[in-house]
Amino acid sequence: MTDKELLYIKTIAEEKNITSAASKLFMTQPALSHCLKILEKSIGARLFERTQEGMKMTYAGEIYYAMAVDILDIYNDFQQKLVDISEMRGGRVRIGMTRNICTMLLPMIMREFAAKYPNVEIQIKEGSSSVLEEMVSLRQLDFAVVHCVEEAAACMGGQFLSYQVLKKDYICILTHRGSGYAGQATRMTGYPYPVLDLKHLEQQPVVLESRKHCLRRCMDAILNRANVIPKIVMEIENFETSKRLVEIGYAMAFINEQYIGELIDVANCEVYSIPKRYRPFWTVCLVRPENGYLSVAAQEIIRLIEENER
């Protein structure tokens, strides 16, 4: 078997469709079908069955696919090591980041990195934490920087992924200025903003991210600990939308402390801290393949991220 044959089978298995697999491989559909037929004949077993749901792997196909993934990972690692040996005259680093982390973190590290490795291509994928974690597990990204719910961060692992906690981010309440909560909040030592107990949010209008987002899962846990049920008036996909809704007085929202002043106009909003007894924080984690090879350039970016997040 050749590396091309391994890639053909891997792509067909993941696309579950000959035509889309051929397109991804920059081949024609008949050419890929012909290669599959020759390969199946040479090994004496069918690798796929055509079903209404698409190309389904046979038992032999599942074994071939698992081996193809392992062998291609080794081959790709080998190629990357050769690039490192050639003193980084090229190469690439594929990084996943949530949108907010990307906005805040990339400008902090890229100037120094580019000065050291000017010929390394950086590919950034923005997405939700869960999507980026899956892409790392599939070796579609070299590593990712994501948010994790605090309780889960201490016990994460499995799925051939390694998690490194970089920092904790505190979550605050964001309301429209003049919303009336100022009289219910208290200035307390150890908090950057007036402290507003979550009991004041009972049945109050709140905008939350959809459940696929880590911040939503985190807020669900925090509100559950406080035994508070707010009135969720809208679910959205990005913080920019919820910020605008807060500014017009439609509802309140939640924001992690790091982004206050960077992403919001505090002239139109009020920020409140949440009592620490509700554990109002999530963690920023670096996720990488458990036993995967990381290039020298990727390791340098991780070093810069670690320094910036201290």
Protein backbone atom coordinates (compact mmCIF):
# COMPACT_ATOMS: atom_id res chain seq x y z
CA MET A 1 0.00 0.00 0.00
CA THR A 2 1.13 3.55 -0.71
CA ASP A 3 0.58 6.78 1.17
CA LYS A 4 -1.81 7.85 -1.60
CA GLU A 5 -3.90 4.70 -1.17
CA LEU A 6 -4.02 5.26 2.58
CA LEU A 7 -5.17 8.83 2.03
CA TYR A 8 -7.81 7.72 -0.49
CA ILE A 9 -9.40 5.28 1.96
CA LYS A 10 -9.17 7.71 4.89
CA THR A 11 -10.89 10.45 2.87
CA ILE A 12 -13.66 8.17 1.56
CA ALA A 13 -14.33 6.91 5.09
CA GLU A 14 -14.56 10.42 6.51
CA GLU A 15 -16.57 11.92 3.64
CA LYS A 16 -18.83 8.84 3.28
CA ASN A 17 -19.24 9.79 -0.35
CA ILE A 18 -17.06 9.01 -3.38
CA THR A 19 -17.84 12.25 -5.20
CA SER A 20 -17.08 14.56 -2.25
CA ALA A 21 -13.99 12.52 -1.40
CA ALA A 22 -12.74 12.83 -4.98
CA SER A 23 -13.32 16.58 -4.88
CA LYS A 24 -11.37 16.88 -1.65
CA LEU A 25 -8.53 14.86 -3.19
CA PHE A 26 -8.61 16.92 -6.42
CA MET A 27 -9.51 13.83 -8.44
CA THR A 28 -12.39 12.82 -10.65
CA GLN A 29 -15.00 10.47 -9.21
CA PRO A 30 -14.34 7.72 -11.80
CA ALA A 31 -10.58 7.85 -11.09
CA LEU A 32 -11.10 7.43 -7.34
CA SER A 33 -13.64 4.64 -7.86
CA HIS A 34 -11.14 2.86 -10.11
CA CYS A 35 -8.36 3.17 -7.50
CA LEU A 36 -10.70 1.80 -4.82
CA LYS A 37 -11.64 -1.16 -7.02
CA ILE A 38 -7.98 -2.02 -7.71
CA LEU A 39 -7.08 -1.73 -4.02
CA GLU A 40 -9.96 -3.93 -2.89
CA LYS A 41 -8.94 -6.53 -5.49
CA SER A 42 -5.31 -6.48 -4.36
CA ILE A 43 -6.18 -7.10 -0.68
CA GLY A 44 -8.99 -9.53 -1.46
CA ALA A 45 -11.68 -7.79 0.57
CA ARG A 46 -14.28 -5.10 0.15
CA LEU A 47 -13.61 -1.99 2.18
CA PHE A 48 -16.93 -0.19 1.65
CA GLU A 49 -20.58 -0.93 1.03
CA ARG A 50 -22.82 1.57 -0.75
CA THR A 51 -25.90 2.38 1.36
CA GLN A 52 -28.59 5.07 1.34
CA GLU A 53 -26.58 6.89 4.01
CA GLY A 54 -23.44 6.80 1.85
CA MET A 55 -20.25 4.73 1.79
CA LYS A 56 -20.25 2.51 4.89
CA MET A 57 -17.04 0.77 5.97
CA THR A 58 -16.99 -3.00 6.18
CA TYR A 59 -15.12 -4.73 9.00
CA ALA A 60 -12.06 -4.89 6.73
CA GLY A 61 -12.57 -1.20 5.94
CA GLU A 62 -12.64 -0.27 9.61
CA ILE A 63 -9.33 -2.07 10.18
CA TYR A 64 -7.79 -0.47 7.09
CA TYR A 65 -9.03 2.99 8.12
CA ALA A 66 -7.63 2.71 11.65
CA MET A 67 -4.24 1.65 10.27
CA ALA A 68 -4.33 4.37 7.61
CA VAL A 69 -4.91 7.07 10.24
CA ASP A 70 -2.00 5.81 12.37
CA ILE A 71 0.38 5.44 9.42
CA LEU A 72 -0.50 8.85 7.95
CA ASP A 73 -0.01 10.48 11.36
CA ILE A 74 3.46 8.92 11.56
CA TYR A 75 4.21 10.01 7.99
CA ASN A 76 3.04 13.58 8.66
CA ASP A 77 5.07 13.72 11.88
CA PHE A 78 8.10 12.53 9.91
CA GLN A 79 7.60 15.25 7.31
CA GLN A 80 7.25 17.89 10.00
CA LYS A 81 10.45 16.74 11.69
CA LEU A 82 12.28 17.08 8.37
CA VAL A 83 11.03 20.67 8.15
CA ASP A 84 12.35 21.31 11.66
CA ILE A 85 15.73 19.82 10.73
CA SER A 86 15.90 22.19 7.77
CA GLU A 87 15.92 25.10 10.23
CA MET A 88 12.33 26.12 9.61
CA ARG A 89 12.69 27.30 6.03
CA GLY A 90 8.96 26.59 5.72
CA GLY A 91 6.20 24.60 7.33
CA ARG A 92 2.90 25.48 8.96
CA VAL A 93 1.17 25.50 12.32
CA ARG A 94 -2.59 24.85 12.51
CA ILE A 95 -4.17 26.45 15.57
CA GLY A 96 -7.73 26.45 16.83
CA MET A 97 -9.09 29.21 19.07
CA THR A 98 -12.48 30.35 20.21
CA ARG A 99 -13.39 33.71 18.74
CA ASN A 100 -12.86 35.74 21.91
CA ILE A 101 -9.55 34.06 22.74
CA CYS A 102 -8.37 34.65 19.18
CA THR A 103 -9.28 38.36 19.34
CA MET A 104 -7.39 38.86 22.59
CA LEU A 105 -4.47 36.46 22.29
CA LEU A 106 -3.18 36.52 18.72
CA PRO A 107 -2.10 40.18 18.66
CA MET A 108 -0.10 39.53 21.85
CA ILE A 109 2.08 36.77 20.44
CA MET A 110 2.33 36.98 16.66
CA ARG A 111 4.82 39.84 16.34
CA GLU A 112 7.45 38.00 18.38
CA PHE A 113 6.74 34.69 16.64
CA ALA A 114 6.90 36.17 13.13
CA ALA A 115 10.25 37.77 13.91
CA LYS A 116 11.68 34.37 14.83
CA TYR A 117 9.93 32.22 12.19
CA PRO A 118 9.06 34.55 9.27
CA ASN A 119 8.53 31.72 6.77
CA VAL A 120 6.15 29.59 8.84
CA GLU A 121 2.54 29.67 7.68
CA ILE A 122 -0.01 30.07 10.48
CA GLN A 123 -3.51 28.70 9.88
CA ILE A 124 -6.16 29.80 12.40
CA LYS A 125 -9.50 28.05 12.81
CA GLU A 126 -12.11 29.82 14.93
CA GLY A 127 -14.97 27.83 16.40
CA SER A 128 -16.67 26.59 19.53
CA SER A 129 -14.57 24.73 22.10
CA SER A 130 -16.22 21.37 21.39
CA VAL A 131 -15.68 21.65 17.62
CA LEU A 132 -12.04 22.62 18.04
CA GLU A 133 -11.40 19.74 20.47
CA GLU A 134 -12.81 17.31 17.91
CA MET A 135 -10.58 18.77 15.19
CA VAL A 136 -7.52 18.29 17.41
CA SER A 137 -8.50 14.67 18.06
CA LEU A 138 -8.80 14.13 14.28
CA ARG A 139 -5.35 15.72 13.79
CA GLN A 140 -6.90 18.51 11.72
CA LEU A 141 -5.30 21.00 14.13
CA ASP A 142 -1.92 20.87 15.85
CA PHE A 143 -3.42 22.28 19.04
CA ALA A 144 -6.23 24.53 20.25
CA VAL A 145 -6.83 27.09 22.99
CA VAL A 146 -10.36 26.71 24.32
CA HIS A 147 -12.57 27.40 27.29
CA CYS A 148 -13.57 24.57 29.61
CA VAL A 149 -16.14 24.38 32.39
CA GLU A 150 -14.23 24.62 35.67
CA GLU A 151 -15.40 21.30 37.14
CA ALA A 152 -14.42 19.42 34.00
CA ALA A 153 -10.95 20.93 33.63
CA ALA A 154 -9.49 18.93 36.52
CA CYS A 155 -10.57 15.57 35.14
CA MET A 156 -10.20 16.05 31.41
CA GLY A 157 -8.36 13.57 29.29
CA GLY A 158 -9.23 10.62 27.14
CA GLN A 159 -10.06 10.70 23.45
CA PHE A 160 -6.28 10.78 22.95
CA LEU A 161 -6.16 14.45 23.99
CA SER A 162 -3.99 16.21 26.55
CA TYR A 163 -5.38 19.23 28.44
CA GLN A 164 -3.22 21.90 30.05
CA VAL A 165 -4.97 24.51 32.19
CA LEU A 166 -3.52 27.94 31.38
CA LYS A 167 -5.61 30.21 33.60
CA LYS A 168 -8.97 30.81 35.23
CA ASP A 169 -11.28 33.47 33.85
CA TYR A 170 -13.89 35.02 36.14
CA ILE A 171 -17.37 35.61 34.77
CA CYS A 172 -19.24 38.86 35.42
CA ILE A 173 -22.76 40.16 34.94
CA LEU A 174 -23.27 42.77 32.23
CA THR A 175 -26.33 45.06 32.44
CA HIS A 176 -27.57 48.25 30.81
CA ARG A 177 -26.46 51.39 32.63
CA GLY A 178 -29.33 52.59 34.77
CA SER A 179 -30.87 49.12 35.03
CA GLY A 180 -31.46 49.59 38.75
CA TYR A 181 -29.09 46.90 40.03
CA ALA A 182 -26.57 49.42 41.43
CA GLY A 183 -28.60 49.81 44.61
CA GLN A 184 -28.60 46.04 45.15
CA ALA A 185 -24.86 45.57 44.66
CA THR A 186 -22.13 45.89 47.29
CA ARG A 187 -18.47 46.91 47.07
CA MET A 188 -16.36 44.12 48.58
CA THR A 189 -12.63 43.53 49.04
CA GLY A 190 -11.19 41.08 46.52
CA TYR A 191 -13.69 41.90 43.77
CA PRO A 192 -12.97 44.27 40.85
CA TYR A 193 -16.62 45.33 40.50
CA PRO A 194 -19.61 45.75 42.81
CA VAL A 195 -20.89 42.33 43.88
CA LEU A 196 -24.43 41.42 42.81
CA ASP A 197 -25.94 38.27 44.27
CA LEU A 198 -27.44 36.01 41.63
CA LYS A 199 -30.73 35.85 43.55
CA HIS A 200 -31.52 39.27 42.02
CA LEU A 201 -31.56 37.62 38.59
CA GLU A 202 -34.55 35.41 39.40
CA GLN A 203 -36.97 35.68 36.45
CA GLN A 204 -35.06 38.66 35.07
CA PRO A 205 -34.49 38.87 31.26
CA VAL A 206 -31.18 37.31 30.26
CA VAL A 207 -29.49 36.67 26.92
CA LEU A 208 -27.39 33.48 26.84
CA GLU A 209 -25.24 31.72 24.28
CA SER A 210 -26.67 28.52 22.82
CA ARG A 211 -25.92 25.27 24.64
CA LYS A 212 -23.12 24.30 22.27
CA HIS A 213 -21.00 27.11 23.76
CA CYS A 214 -18.84 26.57 26.82
CA LEU A 215 -19.93 29.84 28.45
CA ARG A 216 -23.55 28.64 28.38
CA ARG A 217 -22.66 25.33 30.00
CA CYS A 218 -20.66 27.22 32.60
CA MET A 219 -23.49 29.66 33.33
CA ASP A 220 -26.01 26.81 33.59
CA ALA A 221 -23.80 25.26 36.28
CA ILE A 222 -23.35 28.57 38.15
CA LEU A 223 -27.07 29.41 38.10
CA ASN A 224 -27.88 25.89 39.25
CA ARG A 225 -25.50 26.28 42.22
CA ALA A 226 -27.26 29.55 43.08
CA ASN A 227 -30.69 27.90 42.64
CA VAL A 228 -31.70 30.76 40.35
CA ILE A 229 -33.86 30.52 37.23
CA PRO A 230 -33.60 33.66 35.07
CA LYS A 231 -35.95 34.43 32.21
CA ILE A 232 -34.01 33.48 29.07
CA VAL A 233 -35.38 35.80 26.40
CA MET A 234 -32.94 34.88 23.64
CA GLU A 235 -30.20 32.40 22.75
CA ILE A 236 -27.47 33.72 20.46
CA GLU A 237 -24.24 32.50 18.84
CA ASN A 238 -21.78 35.31 19.55
CA PHE A 239 -21.09 37.79 22.31
CA GLU A 240 -21.23 40.83 20.01
CA THR A 241 -24.98 40.29 19.61
CA SER A 242 -25.64 39.93 23.33
CA LYS A 243 -23.52 43.03 24.01
CA ARG A 244 -25.67 45.10 21.65
CA LEU A 245 -28.83 43.81 23.28
CA VAL A 246 -27.51 44.82 26.70
CA GLU A 247 -26.62 48.29 25.42
CA ILE A 248 -30.22 48.96 24.33
CA GLY A 249 -31.59 47.70 27.65
CA TYR A 250 -33.22 44.56 26.24
CA ALA A 251 -31.68 42.13 28.73
CA MET A 252 -28.59 41.36 30.78
CA ALA A 253 -25.77 39.02 29.76
CA PHE A 254 -22.58 37.45 31.08
CA ILE A 255 -18.98 38.18 30.11
CA ASN A 256 -15.63 36.86 31.24
CA GLU A 257 -13.61 39.49 33.05
CA GLN A 258 -10.65 39.42 30.65
CA TYR A 259 -12.71 40.95 27.84
CA ILE A 260 -14.22 43.83 29.81
CA GLY A 261 -12.84 47.07 28.44
CA GLU A 262 -11.64 45.30 25.30
CA LEU A 263 -14.97 44.19 23.85
CA ILE A 264 -17.55 46.45 25.48
CA ASP A 265 -18.22 50.18 25.78
CA VAL A 266 -18.46 50.51 29.55
CA ALA A 267 -20.08 53.95 29.14
CA ASN A 268 -23.34 52.22 28.19
CA CYS A 269 -23.07 49.23 30.49
CA GLU A 270 -22.65 48.30 34.13
CA VAL A 271 -20.49 45.36 35.22
CA TYR A 272 -21.03 43.36 38.40
CA SER A 273 -18.98 40.61 40.02
CA ILE A 274 -20.63 37.34 41.02
CA PRO A 275 -20.05 36.06 44.59
CA LYS A 276 -17.17 33.56 44.62
CA ARG A 277 -19.22 31.00 46.54
CA TYR A 278 -20.96 30.23 43.24
CA ARG A 279 -17.55 29.51 41.63
CA PRO A 280 -18.15 31.99 38.77
CA PHE A 281 -15.26 31.06 36.55
CA TRP A 282 -14.20 28.87 33.69
CA THR A 283 -10.75 27.79 32.58
CA VAL A 284 -8.68 28.48 29.50
CA CYS A 285 -7.10 25.22 28.35
CA LEU A 286 -4.54 24.25 25.75
CA VAL A 287 -5.57 21.04 23.99
CA ARG A 288 -3.18 18.89 21.97
CA PRO A 289 -2.96 15.28 20.75
CA GLU A 290 -1.83 13.11 23.64
CA ASN A 291 1.11 11.53 21.84
CA GLY A 292 1.35 13.74 18.77
CA TYR A 293 4.48 15.42 17.50
CA LEU A 294 4.60 19.20 17.74
CA SER A 295 6.97 21.11 15.50
CA VAL A 296 9.52 23.51 16.91
CA ALA A 297 7.38 26.39 15.60
CA ALA A 298 4.24 25.02 17.31
CA GLN A 299 6.16 24.62 20.56
CA GLU A 300 7.33 28.23 20.28
CA ILE A 301 3.75 29.49 19.86
CA ILE A 302 2.69 27.44 22.90
CA ARG A 303 5.55 28.95 24.92
CA LEU A 304 4.40 32.45 23.97
CA ILE A 305 0.80 31.60 24.86
CA GLU A 306 1.87 30.24 28.25
CA GLU A 307 3.87 33.39 28.99
CA ASN A 308 1.01 35.66 27.96
CA GLU A 309 -1.61 33.78 30.00
CA ARG A 310 0.34 33.77 33.27
